[in-house]
């Protein structure tokens, strides 16, 4: 079998060093703000995004890459690869998956599989990373798909948010949770269920939320060997603290820190801290 290329979108939030090491192609999602269009992580940095969110009165909107963006990517990769695995954000969160499928149908120079990661952020990143590692080992498409399903069925995401207003205005969480978060000054812990954010618990302070994240990790990992990514939106110091705590407490096969890309940060706002993990059998 010839080369298998791995593609994802920028919602995967993979650290740059892993993208380069495994030759992963990332198609940027778009951010639209005050009449300007920005490619996620290319035309605007996370720090620029959070500064503008704090100082501005308008909120950005996001949209999937165009069919043309995917078509250009697939045709370029098809010059060297026989097979392309394109792994994307849950369709319950974005049109990225469907747009990729439309583009894939236009290409006849390579076999293209468009895969629903069924998740988002660094959880999606771990699904993509496992596929890229399997491809680099020379695995077949069937074997890579099995690894995708293995990680996809195990990966979990938990995150503390200092505010729910950005998720609410982006349509990612219900009104009741938003009102609770603002009225009672809670710092909720969210998790992903079927690709949509829901409330796991409601600590009252950031300090308690930090402890709650560690408690959840203890409960969920439960002594198993874990693959971990700590993720954050404009709280790098807390991310390092959580990274150090988790590295010390758990048997980590690997552990990384990843910063939310601007498009992901646009949905959460500044002040997110969380982790993603999956455990080996």
C-alpha atoms as a PDB file:
ATOM      1  CA  UNK A   1       0.000   0.000   0.000  1.00  0.00           C
ATOM      2  CA  UNK A   2       1.188   3.503  -0.799  1.00  0.00           C
ATOM      3  CA  UNK A   3       1.390   6.506   1.444  1.00  0.00           C
ATOM      4  CA  UNK A   4      -1.549   7.370   3.695  1.00  0.00           C
ATOM      5  CA  UNK A   5      -1.953  11.090   4.440  1.00  0.00           C
ATOM      6  CA  UNK A   6      -3.678  12.348   7.585  1.00  0.00           C
ATOM      7  CA  UNK A   7      -5.748  15.536   7.505  1.00  0.00           C
ATOM      8  CA  UNK A   8      -7.651  17.337  10.253  1.00  0.00           C
ATOM      9  CA  UNK A   9      -9.033  20.797  11.001  1.00  0.00           C
ATOM     10  CA  UNK A  10      -7.644  23.378  13.400  1.00  0.00           C
ATOM     11  CA  UNK A  11     -10.183  22.542  16.105  1.00  0.00           C
ATOM     12  CA  UNK A  12      -7.980  19.541  16.962  1.00  0.00           C
ATOM     13  CA  UNK A  13      -5.629  21.841  18.901  1.00  0.00           C
ATOM     14  CA  UNK A  14      -2.619  19.601  18.449  1.00  0.00           C
ATOM     15  CA  UNK A  15       0.730  20.996  19.629  1.00  0.00           C
ATOM     16  CA  UNK A  16       2.790  22.183  16.664  1.00  0.00           C
ATOM     17  CA  UNK A  17       5.623  19.775  17.392  1.00  0.00           C
ATOM     18  CA  UNK A  18       3.287  16.780  17.007  1.00  0.00           C
ATOM     19  CA  UNK A  19       1.824  18.138  13.761  1.00  0.00           C
ATOM     20  CA  UNK A  20       5.339  18.382  12.336  1.00  0.00           C
ATOM     21  CA  UNK A  21       6.587  15.073  13.728  1.00  0.00           C
ATOM     22  CA  UNK A  22       3.762  13.052  12.198  1.00  0.00           C
ATOM     23  CA  UNK A  23       3.239  15.085   9.030  1.00  0.00           C
ATOM     24  CA  UNK A  24      -0.384  15.947   9.824  1.00  0.00           C
ATOM     25  CA  UNK A  25      -2.087  18.410   7.483  1.00  0.00           C
ATOM     26  CA  UNK A  26      -4.284  20.943   9.292  1.00  0.00           C
ATOM     27  CA  UNK A  27      -6.993  22.839   7.391  1.00  0.00           C
ATOM     28  CA  UNK A  28      -7.793  26.082   9.250  1.00  0.00           C
ATOM     29  CA  UNK A  29     -11.328  26.985  10.297  1.00  0.00           C
ATOM     30  CA  UNK A  30     -12.353  30.610   9.730  1.00  0.00           C
ATOM     31  CA  UNK A  31     -13.050  33.354  12.220  1.00  0.00           C
ATOM     32  CA  UNK A  32     -15.092  36.368  11.056  1.00  0.00           C
ATOM     33  CA  UNK A  33     -14.871  39.589  13.036  1.00  0.00           C
ATOM     34  CA  UNK A  34     -15.929  43.128  12.183  1.00  0.00           C
ATOM     35  CA  UNK A  35     -15.891  42.481   8.459  1.00  0.00           C
ATOM     36  CA  UNK A  36     -12.523  40.712   8.441  1.00  0.00           C
ATOM     37  CA  UNK A  37     -11.832  37.020   7.836  1.00  0.00           C
ATOM     38  CA  UNK A  38      -9.051  35.199   9.681  1.00  0.00           C
ATOM     39  CA  UNK A  39      -7.659  31.708   9.207  1.00  0.00           C
ATOM     40  CA  UNK A  40      -7.447  29.973  12.556  1.00  0.00           C
ATOM     41  CA  UNK A  41      -3.930  30.119  13.962  1.00  0.00           C
ATOM     42  CA  UNK A  42      -2.525  31.708  10.796  1.00  0.00           C
ATOM     43  CA  UNK A  43      -3.946  35.225  10.529  1.00  0.00           C
ATOM     44  CA  UNK A  44      -4.693  35.730  14.233  1.00  0.00           C
ATOM     45  CA  UNK A  45      -2.972  34.425  17.360  1.00  0.00           C
ATOM     46  CA  UNK A  46      -4.648  33.332  20.601  1.00  0.00           C
ATOM     47  CA  UNK A  47      -3.228  36.304  22.513  1.00  0.00           C
ATOM     48  CA  UNK A  48      -4.626  38.727  19.897  1.00  0.00           C
ATOM     49  CA  UNK A  49      -8.023  37.060  20.134  1.00  0.00           C
ATOM     50  CA  UNK A  50      -8.281  37.287  23.927  1.00  0.00           C
ATOM     51  CA  UNK A  51      -7.110  40.893  23.950  1.00  0.00           C
ATOM     52  CA  UNK A  52      -9.818  41.816  21.454  1.00  0.00           C
ATOM     53  CA  UNK A  53     -12.483  39.839  23.337  1.00  0.00           C
ATOM     54  CA  UNK A  54     -11.701  41.729  26.520  1.00  0.00           C
ATOM     55  CA  UNK A  55     -11.551  45.147  24.910  1.00  0.00           C
ATOM     56  CA  UNK A  56     -14.195  44.886  22.193  1.00  0.00           C
ATOM     57  CA  UNK A  57     -17.985  44.971  22.230  1.00  0.00           C
ATOM     58  CA  UNK A  58     -18.582  42.527  19.397  1.00  0.00           C
ATOM     59  CA  UNK A  59     -18.059  38.776  19.308  1.00  0.00           C
ATOM     60  CA  UNK A  60     -16.548  36.868  16.389  1.00  0.00           C
ATOM     61  CA  UNK A  61     -18.331  34.220  14.391  1.00  0.00           C
ATOM     62  CA  UNK A  62     -16.734  31.077  13.042  1.00  0.00           C
ATOM     63  CA  UNK A  63     -17.269  28.993   9.934  1.00  0.00           C
ATOM     64  CA  UNK A  64     -15.970  25.809   8.376  1.00  0.00           C
ATOM     65  CA  UNK A  65     -13.247  25.809   5.737  1.00  0.00           C
ATOM     66  CA  UNK A  66     -14.698  26.062   2.250  1.00  0.00           C
ATOM     67  CA  UNK A  67     -15.138  23.138  -0.111  1.00  0.00           C
ATOM     68  CA  UNK A  68     -12.375  24.764  -2.142  1.00  0.00           C
ATOM     69  CA  UNK A  69     -10.032  24.745   0.848  1.00  0.00           C
ATOM     70  CA  UNK A  70     -10.487  21.009   1.284  1.00  0.00           C
ATOM     71  CA  UNK A  71     -10.375  20.326  -2.443  1.00  0.00           C
ATOM     72  CA  UNK A  72      -7.052  22.169  -2.771  1.00  0.00           C
ATOM     73  CA  UNK A  73      -5.660  20.215   0.202  1.00  0.00           C
ATOM     74  CA  UNK A  74      -6.812  16.836  -1.096  1.00  0.00           C
ATOM     75  CA  UNK A  75      -5.528  17.418  -4.622  1.00  0.00           C
ATOM     76  CA  UNK A  76      -2.135  18.512  -3.304  1.00  0.00           C
ATOM     77  CA  UNK A  77      -1.827  15.473  -1.032  1.00  0.00           C
ATOM     78  CA  UNK A  78      -3.063  13.148  -3.770  1.00  0.00           C
ATOM     79  CA  UNK A  79       0.101  13.932  -5.745  1.00  0.00           C
ATOM     80  CA  UNK A  80       2.029  11.781  -3.239  1.00  0.00           C
ATOM     81  CA  UNK A  81      -0.557   9.798  -1.251  1.00  0.00           C
ATOM     82  CA  UNK A  82      -2.792   6.968  -2.436  1.00  0.00           C
ATOM     83  CA  UNK A  83      -5.117   7.279   0.545  1.00  0.00           C
ATOM     84  CA  UNK A  84      -6.216  10.299   2.591  1.00  0.00           C
ATOM     85  CA  UNK A  85      -7.822   9.985   6.020  1.00  0.00           C
ATOM     86  CA  UNK A  86      -9.536  13.275   6.894  1.00  0.00           C
ATOM     87  CA  UNK A  87     -10.586  13.337  10.562  1.00  0.00           C
ATOM     88  CA  UNK A  88     -12.786  16.167  11.770  1.00  0.00           C
ATOM     89  CA  UNK A  89     -14.743  17.979  14.415  1.00  0.00           C
ATOM     90  CA  UNK A  90     -18.077  16.448  15.423  1.00  0.00           C
ATOM     91  CA  UNK A  91     -20.821  17.487  12.944  1.00  0.00           C
ATOM     92  CA  UNK A  92     -23.002  18.420  15.925  1.00  0.00           C
ATOM     93  CA  UNK A  93     -20.602  21.325  16.477  1.00  0.00           C
ATOM     94  CA  UNK A  94     -19.666  22.436  12.969  1.00  0.00           C
ATOM     95  CA  UNK A  95     -20.174  21.977   9.238  1.00  0.00           C
ATOM     96  CA  UNK A  96     -16.499  21.009   8.824  1.00  0.00           C
ATOM     97  CA  UNK A  97     -17.222  17.287   8.450  1.00  0.00           C
ATOM     98  CA  UNK A  98     -19.915  17.714   5.790  1.00  0.00           C
ATOM     99  CA  UNK A  99     -17.824  20.246   3.863  1.00  0.00           C
ATOM    100  CA  UNK A 100     -14.900  17.816   3.813  1.00  0.00           C
ATOM    101  CA  UNK A 101     -17.188  15.064   2.512  1.00  0.00           C
ATOM    102  CA  UNK A 102     -18.403  17.284  -0.312  1.00  0.00           C
ATOM    103  CA  UNK A 103     -14.838  18.054  -1.357  1.00  0.00           C
ATOM    104  CA  UNK A 104     -13.774  14.398  -1.100  1.00  0.00           C
ATOM    105  CA  UNK A 105     -16.434  13.400  -3.630  1.00  0.00           C
ATOM    106  CA  UNK A 106     -14.781  15.685  -6.188  1.00  0.00           C
ATOM    107  CA  UNK A 107     -11.406  13.912  -6.063  1.00  0.00           C
ATOM    108  CA  UNK A 108     -10.679  10.768  -8.070  1.00  0.00           C
ATOM    109  CA  UNK A 109      -6.874  10.753  -7.840  1.00  0.00           C
ATOM    110  CA  UNK A 110      -6.801   9.331  -4.295  1.00  0.00           C
ATOM    111  CA  UNK A 111      -9.035   7.279  -2.044  1.00  0.00           C
ATOM    112  CA  UNK A 112     -10.404   9.642   0.630  1.00  0.00           C
ATOM    113  CA  UNK A 113     -12.058   8.634   3.887  1.00  0.00           C
ATOM    114  CA  UNK A 114     -13.741  11.451   5.850  1.00  0.00           C
ATOM    115  CA  UNK A 115     -14.018  10.453   9.500  1.00  0.00           C
ATOM    116  CA  UNK A 116     -16.173  11.921  12.276  1.00  0.00           C
ATOM    117  CA  UNK A 117     -14.019  12.204  15.402  1.00  0.00           C
ATOM    118  CA  UNK A 118     -17.262  12.447  17.432  1.00  0.00           C
ATOM    119  CA  UNK A 119     -15.568  15.000  19.659  1.00  0.00           C
ATOM    120  CA  UNK A 120     -13.604  18.275  19.605  1.00  0.00           C
ATOM    121  CA  UNK A 121     -10.509  20.144  20.801  1.00  0.00           C
ATOM    122  CA  UNK A 122      -7.633  18.030  22.121  1.00  0.00           C
ATOM    123  CA  UNK A 123      -9.911  14.978  22.298  1.00  0.00           C
ATOM    124  CA  UNK A 124     -10.186  15.202  18.523  1.00  0.00           C
ATOM    125  CA  UNK A 125      -6.439  15.780  18.522  1.00  0.00           C
ATOM    126  CA  UNK A 126      -5.764  12.458  20.211  1.00  0.00           C
ATOM    127  CA  UNK A 127      -7.920  10.617  17.643  1.00  0.00           C
ATOM    128  CA  UNK A 128      -5.953  12.286  14.850  1.00  0.00           C
ATOM    129  CA  UNK A 129      -2.623  11.637  16.548  1.00  0.00           C
ATOM    130  CA  UNK A 130      -3.293   7.916  16.925  1.00  0.00           C
ATOM    131  CA  UNK A 131      -4.252   7.694  13.245  1.00  0.00           C
ATOM    132  CA  UNK A 132      -1.072   9.507  12.216  1.00  0.00           C
ATOM    133  CA  UNK A 133       1.083   7.237  14.355  1.00  0.00           C
ATOM    134  CA  UNK A 134      -0.526   4.135  12.889  1.00  0.00           C
ATOM    135  CA  UNK A 135      -0.034   5.477   9.363  1.00  0.00           C
ATOM    136  CA  UNK A 136       3.619   6.205  10.093  1.00  0.00           C
ATOM    137  CA  UNK A 137       4.053   2.598  11.272  1.00  0.00           C
ATOM    138  CA  UNK A 138       2.775   1.400   7.918  1.00  0.00           C
ATOM    139  CA  UNK A 139      -0.645   0.216   9.106  1.00  0.00           C
ATOM    140  CA  UNK A 140      -3.389  -0.468   6.578  1.00  0.00           C
ATOM    141  CA  UNK A 141      -6.506   1.695   6.309  1.00  0.00           C
ATOM    142  CA  UNK A 142      -8.501  -0.959   8.161  1.00  0.00           C
ATOM    143  CA  UNK A 143      -5.947  -1.082  10.978  1.00  0.00           C
ATOM    144  CA  UNK A 144      -5.887   2.711  11.247  1.00  0.00           C
ATOM    145  CA  UNK A 145      -9.681   2.804  11.414  1.00  0.00           C
ATOM    146  CA  UNK A 146      -9.568   0.286  14.250  1.00  0.00           C
ATOM    147  CA  UNK A 147      -7.119   2.517  16.156  1.00  0.00           C
ATOM    148  CA  UNK A 148      -9.337   5.529  15.521  1.00  0.00           C
ATOM    149  CA  UNK A 149     -12.337   3.720  16.982  1.00  0.00           C
ATOM    150  CA  UNK A 150     -10.236   2.467  19.912  1.00  0.00           C
ATOM    151  CA  UNK A 151      -9.231   5.991  20.964  1.00  0.00           C
ATOM    152  CA  UNK A 152     -12.525   7.625  19.954  1.00  0.00           C
ATOM    153  CA  UNK A 153     -14.449   5.313  22.281  1.00  0.00           C
ATOM    154  CA  UNK A 154     -12.126   6.061  25.219  1.00  0.00           C
ATOM    155  CA  UNK A 155     -11.138   9.718  25.006  1.00  0.00           C
ATOM    156  CA  UNK A 156     -12.763  12.112  27.475  1.00  0.00           C
ATOM    157  CA  UNK A 157     -12.667  15.882  27.912  1.00  0.00           C
ATOM    158  CA  UNK A 158     -13.233  17.990  31.045  1.00  0.00           C
ATOM    159  CA  UNK A 159     -12.720  21.736  31.386  1.00  0.00           C
ATOM    160  CA  UNK A 160     -13.340  24.540  33.884  1.00  0.00           C
ATOM    161  CA  UNK A 161     -14.698  27.811  32.512  1.00  0.00           C
ATOM    162  CA  UNK A 162     -14.582  31.221  34.148  1.00  0.00           C
ATOM    163  CA  UNK A 163     -17.671  32.259  32.138  1.00  0.00           C
ATOM    164  CA  UNK A 164     -20.316  30.506  30.065  1.00  0.00           C
ATOM    165  CA  UNK A 165     -21.397  33.543  28.056  1.00  0.00           C
ATOM    166  CA  UNK A 166     -19.274  32.717  25.013  1.00  0.00           C
ATOM    167  CA  UNK A 167     -20.574  29.148  24.818  1.00  0.00           C
ATOM    168  CA  UNK A 168     -24.099  30.435  25.263  1.00  0.00           C
ATOM    169  CA  UNK A 169     -23.914  33.079  22.535  1.00  0.00           C
ATOM    170  CA  UNK A 170     -22.307  30.497  20.265  1.00  0.00           C
ATOM    171  CA  UNK A 171     -25.244  28.152  20.873  1.00  0.00           C
ATOM    172  CA  UNK A 172     -23.153  25.470  22.564  1.00  0.00           C
ATOM    173  CA  UNK A 173     -24.891  25.301  25.935  1.00  0.00           C
ATOM    174  CA  UNK A 174     -28.367  25.861  27.348  1.00  0.00           C
ATOM    175  CA  UNK A 175     -29.683  29.104  28.809  1.00  0.00           C
ATOM    176  CA  UNK A 176     -30.302  27.650  32.279  1.00  0.00           C
ATOM    177  CA  UNK A 177     -26.656  26.766  32.806  1.00  0.00           C
ATOM    178  CA  UNK A 178     -25.603  30.203  31.593  1.00  0.00           C
ATOM    179  CA  UNK A 179     -27.886  31.950  34.057  1.00  0.00           C
ATOM    180  CA  UNK A 180     -26.664  29.787  36.910  1.00  0.00           C
ATOM    181  CA  UNK A 181     -23.061  30.513  36.026  1.00  0.00           C
ATOM    182  CA  UNK A 182     -23.564  34.275  36.005  1.00  0.00           C
ATOM    183  CA  UNK A 183     -26.022  34.599  38.878  1.00  0.00           C
ATOM    184  CA  UNK A 184     -24.189  32.414  41.366  1.00  0.00           C
ATOM    185  CA  UNK A 185     -20.672  33.201  40.148  1.00  0.00           C
ATOM    186  CA  UNK A 186     -19.889  29.569  39.599  1.00  0.00           C
ATOM    187  CA  UNK A 187     -16.892  28.144  37.793  1.00  0.00           C
ATOM    188  CA  UNK A 188     -18.513  25.150  36.090  1.00  0.00           C
ATOM    189  CA  UNK A 189     -16.740  22.015  34.963  1.00  0.00           C
ATOM    190  CA  UNK A 190     -17.901  21.047  31.488  1.00  0.00           C
ATOM    191  CA  UNK A 191     -17.557  17.829  29.564  1.00  0.00           C
ATOM    192  CA  UNK A 192     -18.421  16.776  26.034  1.00  0.00           C
ATOM    193  CA  UNK A 193     -21.427  14.530  25.519  1.00  0.00           C
ATOM    194  CA  UNK A 194     -22.231  13.587  21.914  1.00  0.00           C
ATOM    195  CA  UNK A 195     -20.116  16.496  20.767  1.00  0.00           C
ATOM    196  CA  UNK A 196     -21.993  19.133  22.805  1.00  0.00           C
ATOM    197  CA  UNK A 197     -20.779  20.778  26.022  1.00  0.00           C
ATOM    198  CA  UNK A 198     -22.728  19.964  29.184  1.00  0.00           C
ATOM    199  CA  UNK A 199     -22.215  20.742  32.870  1.00  0.00           C
ATOM    200  CA  UNK A 200     -20.452  18.108  34.969  1.00  0.00           C
ATOM    201  CA  UNK A 201     -20.234  19.995  38.284  1.00  0.00           C
ATOM    202  CA  UNK A 202     -20.454  23.555  39.605  1.00  0.00           C
ATOM    203  CA  UNK A 203     -17.545  24.614  41.839  1.00  0.00           C
ATOM    204  CA  UNK A 204     -17.909  28.147  43.202  1.00  0.00           C
ATOM    205  CA  UNK A 205     -14.343  29.352  42.730  1.00  0.00           C
ATOM    206  CA  UNK A 206     -11.467  28.872  40.316  1.00  0.00           C
ATOM    207  CA  UNK A 207      -9.390  27.307  43.096  1.00  0.00           C
ATOM    208  CA  UNK A 208     -12.106  24.737  43.805  1.00  0.00           C
ATOM    209  CA  UNK A 209     -12.506  24.091  40.092  1.00  0.00           C
ATOM    210  CA  UNK A 210      -8.790  23.320  39.831  1.00  0.00           C
ATOM    211  CA  UNK A 211      -9.094  20.791  42.653  1.00  0.00           C
ATOM    212  CA  UNK A 212     -12.215  19.339  41.042  1.00  0.00           C
ATOM    213  CA  UNK A 213     -10.357  18.740  37.786  1.00  0.00           C
ATOM    214  CA  UNK A 214      -7.747  16.736  39.663  1.00  0.00           C
ATOM    215  CA  UNK A 215     -10.453  14.817  41.533  1.00  0.00           C
ATOM    216  CA  UNK A 216     -12.139  13.914  38.237  1.00  0.00           C
ATOM    217  CA  UNK A 217      -8.800  12.781  36.817  1.00  0.00           C
ATOM    218  CA  UNK A 218      -8.172  10.577  39.860  1.00  0.00           C
ATOM    219  CA  UNK A 219     -11.609   9.019  39.531  1.00  0.00           C
ATOM    220  CA  UNK A 220     -11.537   8.501  35.780  1.00  0.00           C
ATOM    221  CA  UNK A 221      -7.938   7.411  35.270  1.00  0.00           C
ATOM    222  CA  UNK A 222      -8.039   5.161  38.336  1.00  0.00           C
ATOM    223  CA  UNK A 223      -4.489   3.867  38.161  1.00  0.00           C
ATOM    224  CA  UNK A 224      -4.515   3.060  34.444  1.00  0.00           C
ATOM    225  CA  UNK A 225      -1.835   4.161  31.992  1.00  0.00           C
ATOM    226  CA  UNK A 226      -3.056   7.407  30.458  1.00  0.00           C
ATOM    227  CA  UNK A 227      -2.428   9.625  27.444  1.00  0.00           C
ATOM    228  CA  UNK A 228      -3.039  13.208  28.571  1.00  0.00           C
ATOM    229  CA  UNK A 229      -3.278  16.709  27.128  1.00  0.00           C
ATOM    230  CA  UNK A 230      -3.740  19.730  29.355  1.00  0.00           C
ATOM    231  CA  UNK A 231      -5.495  22.507  27.447  1.00  0.00           C
ATOM    232  CA  UNK A 232      -6.059  26.146  28.268  1.00  0.00           C
ATOM    233  CA  UNK A 233      -7.389  29.448  26.988  1.00  0.00           C
ATOM    234  CA  UNK A 234      -5.230  32.329  28.231  1.00  0.00           C
ATOM    235  CA  UNK A 235      -4.296  30.744  31.585  1.00  0.00           C
ATOM    236  CA  UNK A 236      -0.783  29.378  30.884  1.00  0.00           C
ATOM    237  CA  UNK A 237       0.328  29.433  34.528  1.00  0.00           C
ATOM    238  CA  UNK A 238      -2.597  27.296  35.664  1.00  0.00           C
ATOM    239  CA  UNK A 239      -2.004  24.971  32.717  1.00  0.00           C
ATOM    240  CA  UNK A 240       1.587  24.382  33.845  1.00  0.00           C
ATOM    241  CA  UNK A 241       0.370  23.713  37.403  1.00  0.00           C
ATOM    242  CA  UNK A 242      -2.188  21.181  36.188  1.00  0.00           C
ATOM    243  CA  UNK A 243       0.386  19.578  33.886  1.00  0.00           C
ATOM    244  CA  UNK A 244       2.852  19.172  36.759  1.00  0.00           C
ATOM    245  CA  UNK A 245       0.203  17.758  39.104  1.00  0.00           C
ATOM    246  CA  UNK A 246      -1.011  15.230  36.556  1.00  0.00           C
ATOM    247  CA  UNK A 247       2.488  14.204  35.524  1.00  0.00           C
ATOM    248  CA  UNK A 248       3.351  13.542  39.167  1.00  0.00           C
ATOM    249  CA  UNK A 249       0.135  11.755  40.136  1.00  0.00           C
ATOM    250  CA  UNK A 250      -0.558   9.549  37.125  1.00  0.00           C
ATOM    251  CA  UNK A 251       1.160   6.961  34.982  1.00  0.00           C
ATOM    252  CA  UNK A 252       1.299   9.065  31.815  1.00  0.00           C
ATOM    253  CA  UNK A 253       2.323   7.378  28.597  1.00  0.00           C
ATOM    254  CA  UNK A 254       2.551  10.933  27.267  1.00  0.00           C
ATOM    255  CA  UNK A 255       1.428  14.350  28.447  1.00  0.00           C
ATOM    256  CA  UNK A 256       1.345  17.695  26.665  1.00  0.00           C
ATOM    257  CA  UNK A 257       0.110  21.248  27.111  1.00  0.00           C
ATOM    258  CA  UNK A 258      -1.899  22.727  24.260  1.00  0.00           C
ATOM    259  CA  UNK A 259      -3.288  26.235  23.886  1.00  0.00           C
ATOM    260  CA  UNK A 260      -6.719  26.756  22.384  1.00  0.00           C
ATOM    261  CA  UNK A 261      -6.567  28.059  18.828  1.00  0.00           C
ATOM    262  CA  UNK A 262      -8.405  31.361  18.198  1.00  0.00           C
ATOM    263  CA  UNK A 263     -11.493  29.641  16.761  1.00  0.00           C
ATOM    264  CA  UNK A 264     -11.826  27.405  19.823  1.00  0.00           C
ATOM    265  CA  UNK A 265     -11.094  30.329  22.133  1.00  0.00           C
ATOM    266  CA  UNK A 266     -13.814  32.352  20.419  1.00  0.00           C
ATOM    267  CA  UNK A 267     -16.363  29.813  21.696  1.00  0.00           C
ATOM    268  CA  UNK A 268     -15.041  29.639  25.257  1.00  0.00           C
ATOM    269  CA  UNK A 269     -13.513  33.055  25.839  1.00  0.00           C
ATOM    270  CA  UNK A 270     -10.443  33.520  28.037  1.00  0.00           C
ATOM    271  CA  UNK A 271     -10.255  31.545  31.240  1.00  0.00           C
ATOM    272  CA  UNK A 272     -10.583  27.882  30.304  1.00  0.00           C
ATOM    273  CA  UNK A 273      -8.509  25.133  31.885  1.00  0.00           C
ATOM    274  CA  UNK A 274      -9.019  21.465  31.252  1.00  0.00           C
ATOM    275  CA  UNK A 275      -7.628  18.126  30.266  1.00  0.00           C
ATOM    276  CA  UNK A 276      -8.255  15.369  27.775  1.00  0.00           C
ATOM    277  CA  UNK A 277      -7.229  11.776  28.301  1.00  0.00           C
ATOM    278  CA  UNK A 278      -7.677   8.227  27.151  1.00  0.00           C
ATOM    279  CA  UNK A 279      -6.529   5.118  28.996  1.00  0.00           C
ATOM    280  CA  UNK A 280      -5.024   1.916  27.687  1.00  0.00           C
ATOM    281  CA  UNK A 281      -6.670  -1.420  28.469  1.00  0.00           C
END
